[in-house]
N, C-alpha and C. Protein backbone atom coordinates (compact mmCIF):
# COMPACT_ATOMS: atom_id res chain seq x y z
N GLU A 1 0.82 -1.20 0.00
CA GLU A 1 0.00 0.00 0.00
C GLU A 1 0.85 1.25 0.00
N CYS A 2 1.94 1.24 0.70
CA CYS A 2 2.75 2.43 0.85
C CYS A 2 3.27 2.96 -0.49
N PHE A 3 3.58 2.05 -1.41
CA PHE A 3 4.16 2.43 -2.69
C PHE A 3 3.21 2.18 -3.87
N ARG A 4 1.96 2.01 -3.58
CA ARG A 4 0.97 1.68 -4.61
C ARG A 4 0.94 2.70 -5.76
N ALA A 5 0.88 3.97 -5.43
CA ALA A 5 0.79 5.01 -6.46
C ALA A 5 2.01 4.98 -7.38
N GLU A 6 3.18 4.82 -6.80
CA GLU A 6 4.40 4.77 -7.61
C GLU A 6 4.42 3.51 -8.49
N LEU A 7 4.10 2.36 -7.89
CA LEU A 7 4.16 1.11 -8.64
C LEU A 7 3.15 1.07 -9.78
N PHE A 8 1.90 1.38 -9.47
CA PHE A 8 0.86 1.29 -10.49
C PHE A 8 0.92 2.46 -11.48
N GLY A 9 1.58 3.54 -11.09
CA GLY A 9 1.77 4.66 -11.99
C GLY A 9 3.05 4.53 -12.81
N GLN A 10 3.75 3.41 -12.64
CA GLN A 10 5.00 3.14 -13.36
C GLN A 10 6.03 4.26 -13.15
N ARG A 11 6.04 4.85 -11.96
CA ARG A 11 7.02 5.89 -11.65
C ARG A 11 8.26 5.24 -11.06
N PRO A 12 9.41 5.85 -11.28
CA PRO A 12 10.66 5.28 -10.74
C PRO A 12 10.62 5.18 -9.22
N LEU A 13 11.04 4.06 -8.70
CA LEU A 13 11.09 3.82 -7.26
C LEU A 13 12.45 3.18 -6.98
N LEU A 14 13.42 4.00 -6.62
CA LEU A 14 14.78 3.50 -6.40
C LEU A 14 14.87 2.70 -5.10
N LEU A 15 15.52 1.57 -5.19
CA LEU A 15 15.70 0.71 -4.01
C LEU A 15 16.44 1.47 -2.92
N SER A 16 17.40 2.30 -3.31
CA SER A 16 18.19 3.05 -2.33
C SER A 16 17.35 4.08 -1.56
N GLN A 17 16.18 4.45 -2.06
CA GLN A 17 15.32 5.43 -1.40
C GLN A 17 14.12 4.81 -0.70
N LEU A 18 13.93 3.53 -0.88
CA LEU A 18 12.73 2.86 -0.39
C LEU A 18 12.55 2.96 1.12
N ASN A 19 13.60 2.68 1.88
CA ASN A 19 13.50 2.73 3.34
C ASN A 19 13.14 4.12 3.83
N ASN A 20 13.77 5.15 3.26
CA ASN A 20 13.48 6.52 3.68
C ASN A 20 12.04 6.91 3.35
N LEU A 21 11.58 6.54 2.17
CA LEU A 21 10.22 6.84 1.76
C LEU A 21 9.21 6.13 2.67
N TYR A 22 9.48 4.87 2.98
CA TYR A 22 8.60 4.09 3.86
C TYR A 22 8.55 4.75 5.25
N LYS A 23 9.73 5.12 5.76
CA LYS A 23 9.78 5.72 7.10
C LYS A 23 9.05 7.06 7.13
N MET A 24 9.17 7.82 6.06
CA MET A 24 8.49 9.11 5.98
C MET A 24 6.97 8.93 5.99
N ARG A 25 6.49 7.87 5.36
CA ARG A 25 5.04 7.65 5.24
C ARG A 25 4.43 6.88 6.39
N SER A 26 5.23 6.07 7.09
CA SER A 26 4.65 5.22 8.13
C SER A 26 5.23 5.46 9.53
N ASP A 27 6.25 6.28 9.62
CA ASP A 27 6.94 6.56 10.89
C ASP A 27 7.64 5.34 11.48
N GLU A 28 7.97 4.36 10.64
CA GLU A 28 8.76 3.22 11.08
C GLU A 28 9.56 2.70 9.89
N GLU A 29 10.55 1.85 10.18
CA GLU A 29 11.38 1.31 9.12
C GLU A 29 10.75 0.07 8.52
N LEU A 30 11.11 -0.21 7.28
CA LEU A 30 10.62 -1.43 6.63
C LEU A 30 11.08 -2.63 7.45
N PRO A 31 10.16 -3.50 7.87
CA PRO A 31 10.51 -4.60 8.78
C PRO A 31 11.02 -5.86 8.06
N TYR A 32 11.82 -5.70 7.01
CA TYR A 32 12.28 -6.87 6.27
C TYR A 32 13.21 -7.76 7.08
N LYS A 33 14.00 -7.17 7.99
CA LYS A 33 14.89 -7.99 8.82
C LYS A 33 14.10 -8.81 9.82
N ALA A 34 13.01 -8.26 10.33
CA ALA A 34 12.15 -9.00 11.25
C ALA A 34 11.49 -10.17 10.55
N ALA A 35 11.36 -10.07 9.23
CA ALA A 35 10.77 -11.16 8.44
C ALA A 35 11.83 -12.21 8.07
N GLY A 36 13.07 -12.01 8.53
CA GLY A 36 14.12 -13.01 8.30
C GLY A 36 15.02 -12.72 7.10
N TYR A 37 14.92 -11.54 6.53
CA TYR A 37 15.74 -11.18 5.37
C TYR A 37 16.90 -10.30 5.82
N GLU A 38 18.07 -10.57 5.28
CA GLU A 38 19.23 -9.74 5.59
C GLU A 38 19.25 -8.49 4.71
N LYS A 39 18.78 -8.64 3.48
CA LYS A 39 18.81 -7.53 2.52
C LYS A 39 17.42 -7.20 2.02
N LEU A 40 17.17 -5.92 1.85
CA LEU A 40 15.90 -5.45 1.33
C LEU A 40 15.64 -6.02 -0.06
N ARG A 41 16.68 -6.10 -0.86
CA ARG A 41 16.56 -6.64 -2.22
C ARG A 41 15.99 -8.06 -2.20
N ASP A 42 16.45 -8.90 -1.28
CA ASP A 42 15.96 -10.28 -1.19
C ASP A 42 14.50 -10.32 -0.76
N PHE A 43 14.13 -9.45 0.16
CA PHE A 43 12.74 -9.35 0.61
C PHE A 43 11.82 -9.00 -0.56
N LEU A 44 12.19 -7.99 -1.32
CA LEU A 44 11.36 -7.54 -2.44
C LEU A 44 11.28 -8.58 -3.55
N THR A 45 12.36 -9.30 -3.76
CA THR A 45 12.37 -10.34 -4.78
C THR A 45 11.35 -11.44 -4.49
N ASP A 46 11.07 -11.67 -3.21
CA ASP A 46 10.11 -12.71 -2.82
C ASP A 46 8.66 -12.26 -2.87
N ILE A 47 8.40 -11.01 -3.18
CA ILE A 47 7.03 -10.53 -3.26
C ILE A 47 6.53 -10.73 -4.69
N PRO A 48 5.52 -11.60 -4.88
CA PRO A 48 5.01 -11.86 -6.22
C PRO A 48 4.49 -10.58 -6.88
N GLY A 49 4.87 -10.42 -8.15
CA GLY A 49 4.40 -9.26 -8.90
C GLY A 49 5.39 -8.11 -8.96
N LEU A 50 6.39 -8.11 -8.08
CA LEU A 50 7.41 -7.07 -8.12
C LEU A 50 8.63 -7.57 -8.87
N SER A 51 9.34 -6.66 -9.50
CA SER A 51 10.60 -7.01 -10.14
C SER A 51 11.62 -5.91 -9.88
N LEU A 52 12.88 -6.29 -9.90
CA LEU A 52 13.96 -5.33 -9.70
C LEU A 52 14.70 -5.15 -11.01
N MET A 53 14.99 -3.90 -11.35
CA MET A 53 15.67 -3.57 -12.60
C MET A 53 16.92 -2.74 -12.26
N GLY A 54 17.98 -2.94 -13.04
CA GLY A 54 19.20 -2.18 -12.85
C GLY A 54 20.09 -2.80 -11.81
N ARG A 55 21.10 -2.01 -11.40
CA ARG A 55 22.02 -2.51 -10.37
C ARG A 55 22.62 -1.36 -9.59
N GLY A 56 23.23 -1.71 -8.48
CA GLY A 56 23.85 -0.71 -7.62
C GLY A 56 22.85 0.30 -7.09
N ASN A 57 23.28 1.55 -6.97
CA ASN A 57 22.40 2.56 -6.40
C ASN A 57 21.35 3.05 -7.40
N ARG A 58 21.32 2.50 -8.60
CA ARG A 58 20.30 2.83 -9.60
C ARG A 58 19.25 1.72 -9.73
N MET A 59 19.30 0.71 -8.85
CA MET A 59 18.33 -0.38 -8.91
C MET A 59 16.94 0.14 -8.59
N GLN A 60 15.96 -0.25 -9.40
CA GLN A 60 14.58 0.20 -9.22
C GLN A 60 13.66 -0.97 -8.94
N VAL A 61 12.63 -0.69 -8.15
CA VAL A 61 11.55 -1.64 -7.92
C VAL A 61 10.47 -1.29 -8.92
N ARG A 62 9.99 -2.30 -9.64
CA ARG A 62 8.96 -2.08 -10.66
C ARG A 62 7.82 -3.07 -10.47
N LEU A 63 6.67 -2.69 -10.98
CA LEU A 63 5.53 -3.58 -11.00
C LEU A 63 5.69 -4.50 -12.20
N GLY A 64 5.86 -5.79 -11.94
CA GLY A 64 6.03 -6.75 -13.02
C GLY A 64 4.71 -7.37 -13.43
N ASP A 65 3.87 -7.70 -12.46
CA ASP A 65 2.60 -8.36 -12.71
C ASP A 65 1.58 -7.89 -11.67
N ALA A 66 0.73 -6.97 -12.10
CA ALA A 66 -0.24 -6.34 -11.18
C ALA A 66 -1.17 -7.37 -10.54
N GLU A 67 -1.64 -8.35 -11.31
CA GLU A 67 -2.57 -9.35 -10.76
C GLU A 67 -1.92 -10.18 -9.67
N ARG A 68 -0.67 -10.59 -9.88
CA ARG A 68 0.03 -11.38 -8.86
C ARG A 68 0.25 -10.57 -7.59
N LEU A 69 0.60 -9.29 -7.75
CA LEU A 69 0.81 -8.44 -6.58
C LEU A 69 -0.50 -8.23 -5.82
N GLU A 70 -1.58 -7.96 -6.54
CA GLU A 70 -2.89 -7.76 -5.90
C GLU A 70 -3.32 -9.01 -5.14
N ALA A 71 -3.12 -10.18 -5.74
CA ALA A 71 -3.48 -11.43 -5.08
C ALA A 71 -2.65 -11.64 -3.81
N PHE A 72 -1.38 -11.32 -3.89
CA PHE A 72 -0.50 -11.45 -2.73
C PHE A 72 -0.93 -10.51 -1.60
N VAL A 73 -1.18 -9.25 -1.95
CA VAL A 73 -1.59 -8.26 -0.94
C VAL A 73 -2.92 -8.65 -0.33
N SER A 74 -3.87 -9.09 -1.15
CA SER A 74 -5.17 -9.52 -0.63
C SER A 74 -5.02 -10.69 0.32
N GLY A 75 -4.15 -11.62 -0.01
CA GLY A 75 -3.90 -12.77 0.86
C GLY A 75 -3.30 -12.36 2.19
N CYS A 76 -2.43 -11.36 2.17
CA CYS A 76 -1.81 -10.87 3.42
C CYS A 76 -2.84 -10.19 4.31
N ILE A 77 -3.74 -9.44 3.69
CA ILE A 77 -4.72 -8.68 4.45
C ILE A 77 -5.81 -9.57 5.02
N THR A 78 -6.23 -10.59 4.26
CA THR A 78 -7.36 -11.40 4.69
C THR A 78 -6.96 -12.73 5.31
N ASP A 79 -5.66 -12.95 5.57
CA ASP A 79 -5.22 -14.22 6.14
C ASP A 79 -5.65 -14.30 7.60
N THR A 80 -6.64 -15.13 7.87
CA THR A 80 -7.12 -15.29 9.24
C THR A 80 -6.68 -16.62 9.85
N SER A 81 -5.79 -17.33 9.14
CA SER A 81 -5.36 -18.64 9.64
C SER A 81 -4.31 -18.51 10.74
N ALA A 82 -3.67 -17.36 10.86
CA ALA A 82 -2.63 -17.18 11.86
C ALA A 82 -3.26 -16.98 13.24
N PRO A 83 -2.57 -17.47 14.28
CA PRO A 83 -3.07 -17.26 15.63
C PRO A 83 -3.20 -15.77 15.92
N THR A 84 -4.19 -15.42 16.73
CA THR A 84 -4.43 -14.01 16.99
C THR A 84 -4.08 -13.60 18.41
N SER A 85 -3.24 -14.37 19.09
CA SER A 85 -2.84 -13.97 20.43
C SER A 85 -2.00 -12.69 20.33
N PRO A 86 -1.99 -11.87 21.36
CA PRO A 86 -1.28 -10.59 21.29
C PRO A 86 0.19 -10.73 20.91
N GLU A 87 0.87 -11.76 21.40
CA GLU A 87 2.29 -11.90 21.08
C GLU A 87 2.52 -12.34 19.63
N ASN A 88 1.52 -12.92 18.98
CA ASN A 88 1.64 -13.33 17.59
C ASN A 88 0.96 -12.38 16.62
N ALA A 89 0.33 -11.35 17.13
CA ALA A 89 -0.40 -10.42 16.27
C ALA A 89 0.56 -9.66 15.37
N VAL A 90 0.17 -9.47 14.13
CA VAL A 90 0.96 -8.71 13.19
C VAL A 90 0.49 -7.27 13.22
N GLN A 91 1.40 -6.36 13.37
CA GLN A 91 1.07 -4.95 13.36
C GLN A 91 1.04 -4.47 11.92
N THR A 92 -0.09 -4.02 11.47
CA THR A 92 -0.22 -3.50 10.12
C THR A 92 0.00 -1.99 10.17
N PRO A 93 1.08 -1.53 9.53
CA PRO A 93 1.33 -0.10 9.59
C PRO A 93 0.30 0.69 8.79
N THR A 94 0.11 1.92 9.18
CA THR A 94 -0.76 2.80 8.42
C THR A 94 0.12 3.81 7.70
N PHE A 95 -0.32 4.23 6.53
CA PHE A 95 0.47 5.12 5.69
C PHE A 95 -0.26 6.41 5.44
N SER A 96 0.50 7.46 5.37
CA SER A 96 -0.10 8.74 5.00
C SER A 96 0.77 9.38 3.93
N MET A 97 0.17 9.66 2.82
CA MET A 97 0.89 10.29 1.74
C MET A 97 1.09 11.76 2.07
N PRO A 98 2.32 12.27 1.87
CA PRO A 98 2.52 13.70 2.12
C PRO A 98 1.74 14.54 1.12
N GLN A 99 1.39 15.73 1.52
CA GLN A 99 0.67 16.63 0.64
C GLN A 99 1.60 17.02 -0.53
N PRO A 100 1.05 17.10 -1.74
CA PRO A 100 1.89 17.52 -2.87
C PRO A 100 2.34 18.96 -2.70
N LEU A 101 3.53 19.22 -3.22
CA LEU A 101 4.05 20.58 -3.17
C LEU A 101 3.30 21.45 -4.16
N PRO A 102 3.04 22.70 -3.79
CA PRO A 102 2.35 23.58 -4.74
C PRO A 102 3.27 23.88 -5.92
N GLU A 103 2.68 24.08 -7.09
CA GLU A 103 3.48 24.34 -8.29
C GLU A 103 3.79 25.80 -8.46
């Protein structure tokens, strides 16, 4: 959800800026390490529908398959099979898009 507008609008989304953008919109860091990933790149590669293009500090996250990404996101949001005890509860961050700058 945090990067939906950029991804579906086919706007450039540099991997090197992703953490800062996420933190600006959600007031927390991307929790990829908590999910067991050492690198953000590896985390994003495992998300169906996303693809990485380029290399180094010019690597971009792109929407590769919108249907696969939508199905994945829907599955994450509606997954009720996980235990719901407080210690196992998943915190879903909320995002707020900054106001556009006046032209």
